[in-house]
Amino acid sequence: MAKGPISHISSPAERARRYRALREAMAGAGIDALVVYCRGDDFMRGRVQYVSDIWQAAGWGIVVLPARGEPSYIGDPLWGGKRMAMMVNWIQDARHTQTPEVEIAGILSDHGYSNGTIGMAGLADITTYALMSGLGKLAPGATLVDATDLFDDVRIKKSPEEMENHRETSWILKQVFRSLEAHIRPGALEIDVMAEAHRLVRQYGCMTGIAQTGRTSPRALTLGRHAPFERGEYLSIDLEWQGPSGYWLELRRNYCFGKPSDEAKRFWDIRCEVFQACIDAMKSGHSSDEVLAARDRVNDKYGLGGRELVSYSAHGLGTDSLEPPWSPGKERVMETDMVINLHPHSTFSDPAAYQSVSALSLADNIRVTPTGGERLTYPEDELVNLDV
């Protein structure tokens, strides 16, 4: 029988570190058991992956981590998470059910926590009403509290092993862009170039993600249309992928065919200045909102906007493509070894002026350090002339 490694398995030492950190946080909050709830999508499956290495392809998944004793996995019958649990060999107690509240109540009883304080990681955003109401009836003596922030605050600070995972994803996407640039030319269809991007990242073992392109028109990133690239326009390619180790990177590269106009060069220089100002603001001990303040200072200098937008200029990422902090919206004090994806916004008061250079935008992963951010992929950005 053919055998091969599953790429995203954490080391035993890393597993022990995560459980130790979570249990220390639980003890500080008086929590007897932590119920970690996930949804099988790129924004939420990473919670269960973080505590089990189980990659939840679809449906929901739950891990119950007691303060003492072994954890349990409970999975949606929609997808074979129980079989994945046996493959990764981290959690021995794995169950499929259509009534997760029954299993959770039984597990809490087995550990002696039927009347304990139970932290729910996911209660703030995705845990279902049916689960909470059912659990309240089946474990009426338990006190259910929101532990979403408690859980996220543990996982947003990356260990050395996790940092290496992020660097691996950065290296892979650099190679993908190098190969992909041979396919970007006038007349090539967006959809064909995006398909090639998918092929390349999958060949490197990336697990899931998206490939998008932004052009002079339309102003939005798209997944690829039956439309050819045209000479005289500017475009960006955005790759947001979970690498083989399970850690995410969102990365953009920007292109033109021929010498860029003075207007494009001016706007590109502003984009780079905004980006660097945000990186400089990513210092340990500073608020994540300082990233927005740095963005706004440079935008103000050139008469550009951005304050009015609710879309994120920066957000954490790790086993999920969106983790705290996110700016604007979820502020955190930045700590050394947090990883934050940066793609700051700038807007024009005159839409016509914006239209011609709207595609030019930057994104990369940044590691927080005491002296400012450290770029994990390219040392600097480049507007690549594909005619050269």
Protein backbone atom coordinates (compact mmCIF):
# COMPACT_ATOMS: atom_id res chain seq x y z
CA MET A 1 0.00 0.00 0.00
CA ALA A 2 1.33 3.43 -0.96
CA LYS A 3 2.17 5.66 1.97
CA GLY A 4 3.06 9.32 2.23
CA PRO A 5 3.16 11.96 4.95
CA ILE A 6 0.30 14.35 5.68
CA SER A 7 2.01 17.69 5.32
CA HIS A 8 0.26 19.73 7.99
CA ILE A 9 0.99 17.54 11.03
CA SER A 10 2.40 19.48 13.98
CA SER A 11 5.32 18.15 16.00
CA PRO A 12 4.65 16.54 19.41
CA ALA A 13 6.44 19.43 21.09
CA GLU A 14 4.25 21.96 19.27
CA ARG A 15 1.09 20.07 20.23
CA ALA A 16 2.14 20.06 23.86
CA ARG A 17 2.95 23.78 23.72
CA ARG A 18 -0.49 24.67 22.37
CA TYR A 19 -2.38 22.60 24.94
CA ARG A 20 -0.22 23.98 27.74
CA ALA A 21 -0.83 27.60 26.65
CA LEU A 22 -4.58 27.05 26.28
CA ARG A 23 -4.85 25.32 29.65
CA GLU A 24 -2.93 28.11 31.33
CA ALA A 25 -5.37 30.62 29.84
CA MET A 26 -8.30 28.44 30.90
CA ALA A 27 -6.99 28.25 34.46
CA GLY A 28 -6.62 32.02 34.57
CA ALA A 29 -10.25 32.43 33.50
CA GLY A 30 -11.61 29.66 35.75
CA ILE A 31 -12.64 27.50 32.78
CA ASP A 32 -12.90 23.73 33.33
CA ALA A 33 -13.27 22.68 29.69
CA LEU A 34 -12.89 24.45 26.37
CA VAL A 35 -15.27 23.66 23.50
CA VAL A 36 -13.66 24.75 20.22
CA TYR A 37 -16.19 25.10 17.40
CA CYS A 38 -15.24 25.44 13.73
CA ARG A 39 -16.91 25.65 10.34
CA GLY A 40 -15.44 24.03 7.24
CA ASP A 41 -14.31 27.16 5.43
CA ASP A 42 -11.11 29.16 5.01
CA PHE A 43 -12.01 31.62 7.79
CA MET A 44 -13.05 29.22 10.56
CA ARG A 45 -11.75 25.68 10.06
CA GLY A 46 -8.35 26.61 11.47
CA ARG A 47 -9.64 26.69 15.05
CA VAL A 48 -10.11 22.93 15.17
CA GLN A 49 -7.00 22.40 13.07
CA TYR A 50 -5.00 24.31 15.68
CA VAL A 51 -5.96 21.88 18.46
CA SER A 52 -6.12 18.63 16.48
CA ASP A 53 -4.47 18.87 13.02
CA ILE A 54 -7.88 17.81 11.65
CA TRP A 55 -8.58 19.78 8.47
CA GLN A 56 -12.37 20.23 8.40
CA ALA A 57 -13.24 20.16 4.70
CA ALA A 58 -16.96 20.82 5.17
CA GLY A 59 -19.68 21.08 7.77
CA TRP A 60 -18.82 21.74 11.40
CA GLY A 61 -16.24 20.30 13.78
CA ILE A 62 -15.77 20.49 17.54
CA VAL A 63 -12.92 19.71 19.90
CA VAL A 64 -13.52 19.45 23.64
CA LEU A 65 -10.34 20.19 25.58
CA PRO A 66 -10.70 19.49 29.33
CA ALA A 67 -8.47 21.14 31.88
CA ARG A 68 -7.21 17.64 32.67
CA GLY A 69 -7.39 14.52 30.55
CA GLU A 70 -7.53 13.76 26.86
CA PRO A 71 -9.41 15.86 24.27
CA SER A 72 -12.26 14.63 22.08
CA TYR A 73 -13.24 15.42 18.48
CA ILE A 74 -16.88 15.54 17.35
CA GLY A 75 -17.56 15.84 13.63
CA ASP A 76 -20.37 16.53 11.19
CA PRO A 77 -21.39 13.35 9.32
CA LEU A 78 -21.30 15.49 6.16
CA TRP A 79 -17.55 14.89 6.07
CA GLY A 80 -15.29 12.13 7.33
CA GLY A 81 -13.51 14.01 10.07
CA LYS A 82 -13.41 10.88 12.21
CA ARG A 83 -11.25 9.18 9.59
CA MET A 84 -9.00 12.25 9.40
CA ALA A 85 -8.62 12.11 13.18
CA MET A 86 -7.30 8.55 12.89
CA MET A 87 -4.88 9.63 10.14
CA VAL A 88 -3.35 12.50 12.09
CA ASN A 89 -3.31 10.39 15.29
CA TRP A 90 -3.48 13.36 17.64
CA ILE A 91 -6.94 12.92 19.21
CA GLN A 92 -7.88 9.32 19.98
CA ASP A 93 -11.55 9.93 20.87
CA ALA A 94 -13.23 10.86 17.57
CA ARG A 95 -17.00 10.72 16.95
CA HIS A 96 -19.53 11.43 14.21
CA THR A 97 -22.99 12.56 15.19
CA GLN A 98 -25.99 14.64 14.19
CA THR A 99 -26.49 15.71 17.80
CA PRO A 100 -23.21 17.27 18.99
CA GLU A 101 -24.81 18.66 22.13
CA VAL A 102 -25.45 15.09 23.34
CA GLU A 103 -21.80 14.13 22.82
CA ILE A 104 -20.48 17.29 24.47
CA ALA A 105 -22.72 16.81 27.51
CA GLY A 106 -21.54 13.21 27.82
CA ILE A 107 -17.87 14.19 27.54
CA LEU A 108 -18.27 16.88 30.20
CA SER A 109 -19.94 14.35 32.49
CA ASP A 110 -17.15 11.82 31.91
CA HIS A 111 -14.58 14.42 32.99
CA GLY A 112 -16.63 15.54 35.99
CA TYR A 113 -17.46 18.96 34.57
CA SER A 114 -21.26 18.77 34.28
CA ASN A 115 -21.48 21.58 36.81
CA GLY A 116 -18.32 23.34 35.70
CA THR A 117 -17.53 26.50 33.77
CA ILE A 118 -17.35 25.69 30.07
CA GLY A 119 -15.65 28.06 27.64
CA MET A 120 -17.11 28.19 24.13
CA ALA A 121 -14.56 29.24 21.48
CA GLY A 122 -16.80 30.36 18.64
CA LEU A 123 -19.73 31.57 20.70
CA ALA A 124 -19.03 35.16 19.63
CA ASP A 125 -19.38 34.42 15.93
CA ILE A 126 -20.36 30.96 14.62
CA THR A 127 -21.66 28.61 17.33
CA THR A 128 -25.26 27.70 16.49
CA TYR A 129 -28.33 28.45 18.58
CA ALA A 130 -29.35 24.78 18.34
CA LEU A 131 -26.06 23.65 19.89
CA MET A 132 -26.20 26.18 22.72
CA SER A 133 -29.86 25.60 23.59
CA GLY A 134 -29.43 21.81 23.45
CA LEU A 135 -26.33 21.91 25.61
CA GLY A 136 -28.11 24.15 28.12
CA LYS A 137 -30.83 21.51 28.49
CA LEU A 138 -28.52 18.49 28.63
CA ALA A 139 -25.96 20.07 31.00
CA PRO A 140 -28.15 22.46 33.01
CA GLY A 141 -25.60 22.70 35.81
CA ALA A 142 -22.83 23.96 33.52
CA THR A 143 -22.05 27.64 33.13
CA LEU A 144 -21.42 28.42 29.45
CA VAL A 145 -19.16 31.41 28.79
CA ASP A 146 -17.70 32.95 25.66
CA ALA A 147 -14.04 31.96 25.23
CA THR A 148 -13.55 33.09 21.62
CA ASP A 149 -11.10 35.85 22.51
CA LEU A 150 -9.33 33.66 25.06
CA PHE A 151 -8.70 31.02 22.39
CA ASP A 152 -7.72 33.48 19.66
CA ASP A 153 -5.37 35.39 21.97
CA VAL A 154 -3.39 32.19 22.50
CA ARG A 155 -3.05 31.22 18.85
CA ILE A 156 -2.25 34.64 17.36
CA LYS A 157 1.28 34.64 18.80
CA LYS A 158 3.27 32.23 16.65
CA SER A 159 5.84 29.72 17.86
CA PRO A 160 9.15 29.16 16.01
CA GLU A 161 7.61 26.12 14.31
CA GLU A 162 4.64 28.16 13.16
CA MET A 163 6.92 30.92 11.88
CA GLU A 164 8.77 28.36 9.77
CA ASN A 165 5.42 27.20 8.40
CA HIS A 166 4.59 30.76 7.36
CA ARG A 167 8.02 31.13 5.73
CA GLU A 168 7.48 27.91 3.79
CA THR A 169 4.23 29.26 2.34
CA SER A 170 6.01 32.51 1.46
CA TRP A 171 8.75 30.62 -0.38
CA ILE A 172 6.19 28.57 -2.34
CA LEU A 173 4.17 31.57 -3.51
CA LYS A 174 7.34 33.32 -4.62
CA GLN A 175 8.11 30.32 -6.85
CA VAL A 176 4.53 30.28 -8.13
CA PHE A 177 4.67 33.94 -9.13
CA ARG A 178 7.99 33.39 -10.88
CA SER A 179 6.45 30.64 -13.03
CA LEU A 180 3.09 32.38 -13.46
CA GLU A 181 4.62 35.51 -14.99
CA ALA A 182 5.43 33.56 -18.17
CA HIS A 183 1.66 33.19 -18.74
CA ILE A 184 0.66 36.85 -18.21
CA ARG A 185 0.68 38.57 -21.58
CA PRO A 186 -1.65 40.69 -23.74
CA GLY A 187 -4.36 38.46 -25.15
CA ALA A 188 -4.11 35.82 -22.42
CA LEU A 189 -7.46 35.18 -20.74
CA GLU A 190 -7.81 36.00 -17.05
CA ILE A 191 -9.42 32.63 -16.40
CA ASP A 192 -6.53 30.75 -18.00
CA VAL A 193 -3.93 32.58 -15.92
CA MET A 194 -5.93 32.00 -12.73
CA ALA A 195 -6.27 28.32 -13.62
CA GLU A 196 -2.50 28.09 -14.04
CA ALA A 197 -2.05 29.73 -10.64
CA HIS A 198 -4.28 27.06 -9.08
CA ARG A 199 -2.35 24.30 -10.82
CA LEU A 200 0.99 25.62 -9.63
CA VAL A 201 0.05 26.12 -5.97
CA ARG A 202 -1.54 22.68 -5.80
CA GLN A 203 1.59 21.10 -7.26
CA TYR A 204 3.53 22.61 -4.37
CA GLY A 205 1.05 20.99 -1.95
CA CYS A 206 -0.94 24.06 -0.90
CA MET A 207 -4.18 22.98 0.74
CA THR A 208 -6.79 25.57 -0.21
CA GLY A 209 -7.07 29.18 -1.31
CA ILE A 210 -7.99 31.64 -4.01
CA ALA A 211 -6.31 33.26 -7.01
CA GLN A 212 -7.66 36.65 -8.09
CA THR A 213 -6.76 39.39 -10.50
CA GLY A 214 -7.38 43.12 -10.38
CA ARG A 215 -7.19 45.29 -13.49
CA THR A 216 -7.72 48.85 -14.57
CA SER A 217 -11.35 47.83 -15.09
CA PRO A 218 -13.24 46.55 -13.15
CA ARG A 219 -12.07 48.02 -9.85
CA ALA A 220 -12.74 44.79 -7.93
CA LEU A 221 -10.59 41.68 -7.72
CA THR A 222 -12.18 38.81 -9.64
CA LEU A 223 -11.55 35.07 -9.76
CA GLY A 224 -10.90 35.22 -13.50
CA ARG A 225 -13.20 36.16 -16.40
CA HIS A 226 -13.26 35.14 -20.04
CA ALA A 227 -11.55 38.44 -20.78
CA PRO A 228 -8.08 39.03 -22.24
CA PHE A 229 -5.39 41.13 -20.64
CA GLU A 230 -4.72 44.27 -22.67
CA ARG A 231 -1.66 46.34 -23.38
CA GLY A 232 -1.63 49.72 -21.66
CA GLU A 233 -3.34 48.58 -18.47
CA TYR A 234 -2.08 47.81 -14.98
CA LEU A 235 -2.96 44.64 -13.14
CA SER A 236 -2.33 42.84 -9.88
CA ILE A 237 -2.46 39.13 -9.08
CA ASP A 238 -3.56 38.19 -5.58
CA LEU A 239 -2.78 34.70 -4.26
CA GLU A 240 -4.23 33.82 -0.85
CA TRP A 241 -3.33 30.24 0.02
CA GLN A 242 -2.90 27.86 2.91
CA GLY A 243 0.47 26.20 2.48
CA PRO A 244 1.25 22.48 2.91
CA SER A 245 1.93 23.03 6.61
CA GLY A 246 -1.50 24.64 7.04
CA TYR A 247 -0.35 28.27 7.38
CA TRP A 248 -1.66 31.11 5.25
CA LEU A 249 -0.17 33.85 3.11
CA GLU A 250 -1.90 36.54 1.07
CA LEU A 251 0.52 37.97 -1.49
CA ARG A 252 0.13 40.37 -4.42
CA ARG A 253 2.33 41.19 -7.40
CA ASN A 254 1.72 44.09 -9.79
CA TYR A 255 2.32 44.17 -13.55
CA CYS A 256 2.25 46.35 -16.64
CA PHE A 257 3.07 45.86 -20.32
CA GLY A 258 5.59 48.53 -21.25
CA LYS A 259 6.89 51.58 -19.40
CA PRO A 260 4.42 52.78 -16.73
CA SER A 261 3.02 56.30 -17.01
CA ASP A 262 4.12 59.09 -14.70
CA GLU A 263 0.70 58.94 -13.04
CA ALA A 264 1.06 55.22 -12.39
CA LYS A 265 4.59 55.63 -11.02
CA ARG A 266 3.42 58.40 -8.71
CA PHE A 267 0.57 56.32 -7.33
CA TRP A 268 2.83 53.26 -7.05
CA ASP A 269 5.33 55.25 -5.00
CA ILE A 270 2.52 56.40 -2.70
CA ARG A 271 1.32 52.80 -2.30
CA CYS A 272 4.83 51.71 -1.33
CA GLU A 273 5.19 54.60 1.12
CA VAL A 274 1.88 53.75 2.78
CA PHE A 275 2.90 50.09 2.99
CA GLN A 276 6.26 50.85 4.59
CA ALA A 277 4.72 53.27 7.10
CA CYS A 278 2.32 50.53 8.21
CA ILE A 279 5.19 48.03 8.53
CA ASP A 280 7.14 50.50 10.66
CA ALA A 281 4.11 50.81 12.98
CA MET A 282 3.98 47.06 13.66
CA LYS A 283 5.93 47.20 16.91
CA SER A 284 5.51 44.99 19.95
CA GLY A 285 3.45 46.75 22.60
CA HIS A 286 1.69 49.06 20.15
CA SER A 287 -2.01 48.96 19.34
CA SER A 288 -2.94 47.39 16.02
CA ASP A 289 -4.86 50.60 15.34
CA GLU A 290 -1.46 52.29 14.93
CA VAL A 291 -1.33 50.56 11.54
CA LEU A 292 -4.41 52.51 10.46
CA ALA A 293 -2.97 55.74 11.86
CA ALA A 294 0.23 55.22 9.84
CA ARG A 295 -1.81 54.53 6.71
CA ASP A 296 -3.85 57.68 7.22
CA ARG A 297 -0.85 59.92 7.81
CA VAL A 298 0.61 59.05 4.42
CA ASN A 299 -2.76 59.18 2.65
CA ASP A 300 -3.40 62.63 4.15
CA LYS A 301 -0.02 63.81 2.93
CA TYR A 302 -1.07 63.14 -0.67
CA GLY A 303 -4.74 64.09 -0.38
CA LEU A 304 -5.97 60.49 -0.45
CA GLY A 305 -8.68 58.88 1.64
CA GLY A 306 -9.30 55.50 3.27
CA ARG A 307 -10.71 56.25 6.70
CA GLU A 308 -14.25 55.76 5.42
CA LEU A 309 -13.69 52.10 4.49
CA VAL A 310 -14.79 49.23 6.73
CA SER A 311 -12.78 46.66 4.77
CA TYR A 312 -9.62 45.48 6.51
CA SER A 313 -6.28 47.13 5.81
CA ALA A 314 -4.58 44.53 8.00
CA HIS A 315 -5.53 41.27 9.68
CA GLY A 316 -3.88 38.41 11.50
CA LEU A 317 -3.61 34.99 9.92
CA GLY A 318 -2.24 31.55 10.75
CA THR A 319 -4.21 28.30 10.49
CA ASP A 320 -7.09 30.55 9.40
CA SER A 321 -6.89 33.22 6.74
CA LEU A 322 -8.49 35.68 9.18
CA GLU A 323 -7.38 35.87 12.79
CA PRO A 324 -7.24 38.80 15.24
CA PRO A 325 -6.35 41.55 15.09
CA TRP A 326 -8.15 43.08 12.17
CA SER A 327 -8.06 46.75 11.38
CA PRO A 328 -10.52 48.32 11.49
CA GLY A 329 -12.75 46.24 13.74
CA LYS A 330 -10.84 44.13 16.28
CA GLU A 331 -8.01 45.92 18.05
CA ARG A 332 -5.19 44.10 19.86
CA VAL A 333 -1.92 45.05 21.49
CA MET A 334 0.62 43.69 19.01
CA GLU A 335 3.11 41.18 20.39
CA THR A 336 6.37 39.84 19.02
CA ASP A 337 5.77 36.96 16.59
CA MET A 338 2.23 37.87 15.69
CA VAL A 339 1.81 37.52 11.93
CA ILE A 340 -0.36 40.15 10.25
CA ASN A 341 -1.26 40.36 6.59
CA LEU A 342 -1.06 43.92 5.34
CA HIS A 343 -2.96 45.40 2.39
CA PRO A 344 -3.65 49.06 3.27
CA HIS A 345 -6.24 51.04 1.36
CA SER A 346 -6.04 54.41 -0.34
CA THR A 347 -8.96 56.09 -2.07
CA PHE A 348 -9.43 59.06 -4.40
CA SER A 349 -12.07 61.76 -4.14
CA ASP A 350 -12.25 61.71 -7.95
CA PRO A 351 -13.27 58.20 -9.13
CA ALA A 352 -12.04 58.92 -12.66
CA ALA A 353 -8.53 59.63 -11.35
CA TYR A 354 -8.58 56.38 -9.39
CA GLN A 355 -9.83 54.27 -12.27
CA SER A 356 -6.66 54.26 -14.35
CA VAL A 357 -4.41 53.02 -11.52
CA SER A 358 -6.95 51.23 -9.33
CA ALA A 359 -5.38 47.80 -9.79
CA LEU A 360 -2.10 48.73 -8.10
CA SER A 361 -2.20 47.33 -4.57
CA LEU A 362 0.15 45.53 -2.19
CA ALA A 363 -0.19 42.60 0.23
CA ASP A 364 2.28 40.50 2.20
CA ASN A 365 2.66 38.81 5.60
CA ILE A 366 4.42 40.85 8.27
CA ARG A 367 5.94 39.54 11.50
CA VAL A 368 5.64 41.89 14.49
CA THR A 369 8.95 42.66 16.21
CA PRO A 370 10.04 45.15 18.92
CA THR A 371 11.49 47.49 16.26
CA GLY A 372 8.77 47.22 13.58
CA GLY A 373 7.45 44.72 11.10
CA GLU A 374 9.52 42.11 9.27
CA ARG A 375 8.39 41.21 5.76
CA LEU A 376 8.16 37.45 5.30
CA THR A 377 8.23 37.25 1.50
CA TYR A 378 9.65 40.01 -0.71
CA PRO A 379 12.08 42.55 0.81
CA GLU A 380 10.39 45.22 -1.30
CA ASP A 381 7.60 45.52 -3.85
CA GLU A 382 8.05 45.94 -7.58
CA LEU A 383 5.86 47.10 -10.45
CA VAL A 384 6.97 44.46 -12.94
CA ASN A 385 7.20 45.46 -16.61
CA LEU A 386 6.47 42.19 -18.41
CA ASP A 387 7.80 43.59 -21.69
CA VAL A 388 11.33 43.70 -20.29
